[in-house]
Amino acid sequence: MDELLAVAMAMEKESAERYAGLAEHMRTVGQQDLAEVFDRLVREENGHIDLVANWSRQIRDRVPEVLPPEAVPQGVFDDEGIHLVSPELVDAYRSLAVAVRNEERAFAFWSYVAAYGATAEIRKAAERMASEELEHAKTLRRERRKAFFESRQLRPLVQETYDLSALEMEVCTRLEEHTDMSGNKREYRDLALEARTLSLDLASAPLQEPAPIGPPPPRSLEALCEWLADYYIDAGEHLLSQAARDRAQALATIAVKRLALIRNLGRT
């Protein structure tokens, strides 16, 4: 029982610390609204920590011990790489969706313990933890749904035709600018040449006809490259003809590799 309570406390503490790190990251990159979303999640997790501590005092007359990080079940909390995504492409809905899935994984973990616990006491305690996590997930689902409808209302009315050739040429131009500012001139020049080639190819043979319409893509280099990678991946799954899907998947491979290289170059 002591171990169960310690694991519960450690899982809640890990979640609070990871959300706090994401809040700080969002503040650092100027996304104050998203920082406040993660701050709210930190407060939620701290509330869960208090619940576990109070429960432990009631049944064991003490707070749980502090476990080392390696003792925490692995794979329950996952930020799904959100700290690596360009901030322009993250919103409250996506952030809360990550939190919902974390609560659902925690519910699944405690449900497993409830089913296979060694004693009746352990099984009953795990059932309580599973019930708590399920309530947390339900609360966050409501918040996620609100964020979804708010994002639809706030979505810019301005729509534009996606000219993939022009967007690839914009990437080319931005990369060429980096060749004058960076010590990695050859790498940026090679990527710029690749983007120019893609632009010319898409100009002569567009990926889709008619061209799709939507909100304007982001304009910073990394965010635009990430947007293009996501676009090609999605097109590779949904275009009507197999030939078009194959072409989109090839473009997606290039775009994903390019994004990784640009991120790596930005760190050097």
Protein backbone atom coordinates (compact mmCIF):
# COMPACT_ATOMS: atom_id res chain seq x y z
CA MET A 1 0.00 0.00 0.00
CA ASP A 2 2.85 2.36 0.78
CA GLU A 3 4.34 1.65 -2.64
CA LEU A 4 1.01 2.27 -4.39
CA LEU A 5 0.59 5.66 -2.71
CA ALA A 6 4.21 6.58 -3.47
CA VAL A 7 3.73 5.68 -7.14
CA ALA A 8 0.52 7.73 -7.28
CA MET A 9 2.29 10.73 -5.76
CA ALA A 10 5.26 10.35 -8.12
CA MET A 11 3.02 10.18 -11.20
CA GLU A 12 1.17 13.35 -10.23
CA LYS A 13 4.44 15.15 -9.43
CA GLU A 14 5.94 14.15 -12.78
CA SER A 15 2.90 15.51 -14.59
CA ALA A 16 3.05 18.79 -12.68
CA GLU A 17 6.77 19.20 -13.39
CA ARG A 18 6.42 18.38 -17.08
CA TYR A 19 3.51 20.80 -17.53
CA ALA A 20 5.48 23.47 -15.66
CA GLY A 21 8.36 22.95 -18.09
CA LEU A 22 5.99 23.33 -21.04
CA ALA A 23 4.53 26.50 -19.51
CA GLU A 24 8.01 27.97 -19.18
CA HIS A 25 8.83 26.97 -22.76
CA MET A 26 5.71 28.71 -24.06
CA ARG A 27 6.57 31.85 -22.10
CA THR A 28 10.10 31.80 -23.50
CA VAL A 29 8.80 31.74 -27.09
CA GLY A 30 6.22 34.44 -26.43
CA GLN A 31 3.08 32.24 -26.30
CA GLN A 32 1.61 33.64 -23.07
CA ASP A 33 -1.90 32.26 -23.71
CA LEU A 34 -0.54 28.72 -24.02
CA ALA A 35 1.70 29.24 -20.99
CA GLU A 36 -1.47 30.00 -19.01
CA VAL A 37 -3.09 26.77 -20.29
CA PHE A 38 -0.16 24.74 -18.98
CA ASP A 39 -0.10 26.77 -15.75
CA ARG A 40 -3.72 25.71 -15.26
CA LEU A 41 -2.73 22.08 -15.82
CA VAL A 42 0.04 22.49 -13.22
CA ARG A 43 -2.56 23.72 -10.72
CA GLU A 44 -4.75 20.73 -11.56
CA GLU A 45 -1.89 18.31 -10.95
CA ASN A 46 -0.92 20.04 -7.71
CA GLY A 47 -4.51 19.57 -6.61
CA HIS A 48 -4.20 15.87 -7.40
CA ILE A 49 -0.99 15.73 -5.34
CA ASP A 50 -2.88 17.21 -2.37
CA LEU A 51 -5.62 14.61 -2.80
CA VAL A 52 -3.11 11.74 -2.72
CA ALA A 53 -1.30 13.25 0.28
CA ASN A 54 -4.56 13.70 2.22
CA TRP A 55 -5.69 10.18 1.35
CA SER A 56 -2.34 8.80 2.54
CA ARG A 57 -2.68 10.66 5.85
CA GLN A 58 -6.15 9.17 6.33
CA ILE A 59 -5.15 5.55 5.77
CA ARG A 60 -1.43 5.49 6.66
CA ASP A 61 -1.11 8.55 8.91
CA ARG A 62 1.72 9.96 6.77
CA VAL A 63 2.41 11.39 3.32
CA PRO A 64 3.89 9.03 0.72
CA GLU A 65 7.63 8.76 0.35
CA VAL A 66 9.34 10.49 -2.56
CA LEU A 67 10.35 8.00 -5.23
CA PRO A 68 13.30 8.48 -7.63
CA PRO A 69 12.31 9.21 -11.27
CA GLU A 70 13.25 5.71 -12.43
CA ALA A 71 10.65 4.22 -10.07
CA VAL A 72 7.80 6.02 -11.84
CA PRO A 73 5.93 3.83 -14.40
CA GLN A 74 7.32 4.67 -17.82
CA GLY A 75 5.17 5.77 -20.74
CA VAL A 76 2.18 7.00 -18.73
CA PHE A 77 3.02 10.68 -19.16
CA ASP A 78 3.87 11.76 -22.69
CA ASP A 79 4.03 15.36 -23.91
CA GLU A 80 3.88 13.91 -27.47
CA GLY A 81 6.77 16.10 -28.55
CA ILE A 82 4.76 19.29 -28.12
CA HIS A 83 7.90 21.09 -26.90
CA LEU A 84 9.46 20.37 -30.30
CA VAL A 85 6.52 21.70 -32.34
CA SER A 86 6.76 25.25 -33.66
CA PRO A 87 4.79 27.41 -31.18
CA GLU A 88 2.80 28.95 -34.03
CA LEU A 89 1.26 25.52 -34.69
CA VAL A 90 0.29 24.79 -31.06
CA ASP A 91 -3.02 25.95 -29.62
CA ALA A 92 -5.07 25.42 -26.46
CA TYR A 93 -7.04 22.56 -28.03
CA ARG A 94 -3.91 20.61 -28.93
CA SER A 95 -2.37 21.25 -25.50
CA LEU A 96 -5.48 20.05 -23.69
CA ALA A 97 -5.73 17.03 -26.01
CA VAL A 98 -2.26 15.96 -24.80
CA ALA A 99 -3.43 16.35 -21.19
CA VAL A 100 -6.59 14.30 -21.86
CA ARG A 101 -4.56 11.44 -23.31
CA ASN A 102 -2.21 11.52 -20.31
CA GLU A 103 -5.16 11.20 -17.92
CA GLU A 104 -6.54 8.34 -20.02
CA ARG A 105 -3.19 6.52 -19.86
CA ALA A 106 -3.11 7.03 -16.08
CA PHE A 107 -6.66 5.63 -15.88
CA ALA A 108 -5.58 2.59 -17.91
CA PHE A 109 -2.56 2.07 -15.62
CA TRP A 110 -4.62 2.13 -12.43
CA SER A 111 -7.32 -0.02 -14.01
CA TYR A 112 -4.64 -2.63 -14.72
CA VAL A 113 -3.43 -2.47 -11.09
CA ALA A 114 -7.05 -2.76 -9.91
CA ALA A 115 -7.50 -5.89 -11.98
CA TYR A 116 -4.23 -7.60 -11.01
CA GLY A 117 -3.34 -6.20 -7.58
CA ALA A 118 -1.99 -8.74 -5.13
CA THR A 119 -4.42 -7.91 -2.30
CA ALA A 120 -7.99 -6.67 -1.93
CA GLU A 121 -6.66 -3.51 -0.28
CA ILE A 122 -4.40 -2.76 -3.26
CA ARG A 123 -7.18 -3.47 -5.76
CA LYS A 124 -9.62 -1.20 -3.94
CA ALA A 125 -7.06 1.62 -3.70
CA ALA A 126 -6.19 1.30 -7.39
CA GLU A 127 -9.89 1.42 -8.26
CA ARG A 128 -10.11 4.72 -6.41
CA MET A 129 -7.10 6.09 -8.29
CA ALA A 130 -8.58 4.93 -11.61
CA SER A 131 -11.85 6.67 -10.73
CA GLU A 132 -9.99 9.90 -9.90
CA GLU A 133 -8.08 9.81 -13.19
CA LEU A 134 -11.29 9.18 -15.10
CA GLU A 135 -12.88 12.24 -13.48
CA HIS A 136 -9.79 14.30 -14.35
CA ALA A 137 -10.02 13.11 -17.96
CA LYS A 138 -13.72 14.03 -18.12
CA THR A 139 -12.97 17.53 -16.78
CA LEU A 140 -10.19 18.05 -19.31
CA ARG A 141 -12.39 16.73 -22.12
CA ARG A 142 -14.90 19.47 -21.32
CA GLU A 143 -12.10 22.04 -21.38
CA ARG A 144 -10.81 20.63 -24.66
CA ARG A 145 -14.28 20.83 -26.21
CA LYS A 146 -14.62 24.47 -25.11
CA ALA A 147 -11.19 25.23 -26.59
CA PHE A 148 -12.21 23.59 -29.87
CA PHE A 149 -15.30 25.76 -30.29
CA GLU A 150 -13.45 28.88 -29.16
CA SER A 151 -10.72 28.21 -31.74
CA ARG A 152 -13.36 27.91 -34.46
CA GLN A 153 -14.84 31.26 -33.46
CA LEU A 154 -11.42 32.92 -33.30
CA ARG A 155 -10.16 31.35 -36.53
CA PRO A 156 -9.28 34.12 -38.99
CA LEU A 157 -11.90 34.75 -41.64
CA VAL A 158 -9.17 35.38 -44.17
CA GLN A 159 -8.70 32.37 -46.41
CA GLU A 160 -6.23 31.89 -49.20
CA THR A 161 -5.46 29.37 -51.88
CA TYR A 162 -2.54 27.19 -50.95
CA ASP A 163 0.07 27.73 -53.65
CA LEU A 164 2.58 25.03 -52.69
CA SER A 165 5.02 26.19 -55.35
CA ALA A 166 5.05 29.71 -53.88
CA LEU A 167 5.40 28.36 -50.34
CA GLU A 168 8.38 26.21 -51.33
CA MET A 169 9.93 29.26 -53.03
CA GLU A 170 9.38 31.21 -49.82
CA VAL A 171 11.25 28.47 -47.94
CA CYS A 172 14.01 28.74 -50.54
CA THR A 173 14.28 32.51 -50.03
CA ARG A 174 14.40 32.18 -46.24
CA LEU A 175 17.09 29.51 -46.47
CA GLU A 176 19.16 31.67 -48.81
CA GLU A 177 18.97 34.46 -46.25
CA HIS A 178 20.44 32.08 -43.67
CA THR A 179 23.44 31.39 -45.91
CA ASP A 180 24.50 35.00 -45.31
CA MET A 181 24.01 34.87 -41.54
CA SER A 182 25.20 31.41 -40.55
CA GLY A 183 28.37 29.39 -40.41
CA ASN A 184 26.50 26.48 -42.00
CA LYS A 185 26.39 28.08 -45.44
CA ARG A 186 26.73 24.89 -47.48
CA GLU A 187 23.94 23.08 -45.60
CA TYR A 188 21.52 26.00 -45.95
CA ARG A 189 22.47 26.45 -49.62
CA ASP A 190 21.77 22.77 -50.35
CA LEU A 191 18.39 22.97 -48.63
CA ALA A 192 17.57 26.17 -50.53
CA LEU A 193 18.40 24.49 -53.83
CA GLU A 194 16.20 21.52 -52.90
CA ALA A 195 13.28 23.87 -52.06
CA ARG A 196 13.74 25.72 -55.35
CA THR A 197 13.63 22.42 -57.25
CA LEU A 198 10.44 21.41 -55.41
CA SER A 199 8.91 24.82 -56.17
CA LEU A 200 9.59 24.50 -59.90
CA ASP A 201 8.28 20.94 -59.93
CA LEU A 202 5.04 21.96 -58.16
CA ALA A 203 4.63 24.94 -60.48
CA SER A 204 4.78 22.74 -63.56
CA ALA A 205 2.62 19.97 -62.07
CA PRO A 206 0.51 21.07 -59.05
CA LEU A 207 -0.13 18.45 -56.40
CA GLN A 208 -3.88 19.08 -56.31
CA GLU A 209 -6.43 20.50 -58.74
CA PRO A 210 -8.23 22.65 -57.80
CA ALA A 211 -5.86 24.02 -55.21
CA PRO A 212 -7.25 23.76 -51.64
CA ILE A 213 -8.23 26.84 -49.62
CA GLY A 214 -7.68 27.52 -45.91
CA PRO A 215 -6.27 29.90 -43.31
CA PRO A 216 -2.87 31.40 -44.16
CA PRO A 217 0.12 29.18 -43.31
CA PRO A 218 2.69 30.46 -40.78
CA ARG A 219 5.53 32.56 -42.15
CA SER A 220 8.55 31.84 -39.92
CA LEU A 221 10.98 29.39 -41.57
CA GLU A 222 10.71 26.50 -39.11
CA ALA A 223 6.92 26.78 -38.70
CA LEU A 224 6.40 26.98 -42.46
CA CYS A 225 8.59 23.91 -43.02
CA GLU A 226 6.62 22.05 -40.34
CA TRP A 227 3.32 23.15 -41.90
CA LEU A 228 4.45 21.86 -45.31
CA ALA A 229 5.56 18.54 -43.81
CA ASP A 230 2.15 18.11 -42.13
CA TYR A 231 0.37 19.13 -45.33
CA TYR A 232 2.24 16.60 -47.48
CA ILE A 233 1.69 13.83 -44.90
CA ASP A 234 -2.05 14.54 -44.84
CA ALA A 235 -2.20 14.74 -48.64
CA GLY A 236 -0.38 11.41 -48.85
CA GLU A 237 -3.27 9.82 -46.97
CA HIS A 238 -6.25 11.59 -48.53
CA LEU A 239 -5.62 12.47 -52.18
CA LEU A 240 -7.89 10.59 -54.56
CA SER A 241 -5.42 8.91 -56.91
CA GLN A 242 -2.68 6.51 -55.88
CA ALA A 243 -0.17 8.39 -58.04
CA ALA A 244 -0.97 11.66 -56.25
CA ARG A 245 -0.72 9.98 -52.84
CA ASP A 246 2.64 8.46 -53.76
CA ARG A 247 3.93 11.84 -54.90
CA ALA A 248 2.70 13.52 -51.70
CA GLN A 249 4.36 10.85 -49.58
CA ALA A 250 7.65 11.43 -51.40
CA LEU A 251 7.30 15.17 -50.75
CA ALA A 252 6.51 14.41 -47.09
CA THR A 253 9.72 12.39 -46.74
CA ILE A 254 11.75 15.30 -48.11
CA ALA A 255 9.89 17.84 -45.93
CA VAL A 256 10.29 15.86 -42.70
CA LYS A 257 14.01 15.36 -43.32
CA ARG A 258 14.36 19.08 -44.14
CA LEU A 259 12.59 20.08 -40.94
CA ALA A 260 14.91 17.89 -38.85
CA LEU A 261 17.97 19.38 -40.55
CA ILE A 262 16.76 22.96 -40.06
CA ARG A 263 16.11 22.33 -36.38
CA ASN A 264 19.52 20.76 -35.98
CA LEU A 265 21.22 23.65 -37.81
CA GLY A 266 19.36 26.10 -35.57
CA ARG A 267 21.01 24.52 -32.53
CA THR A 268 24.55 24.76 -33.91
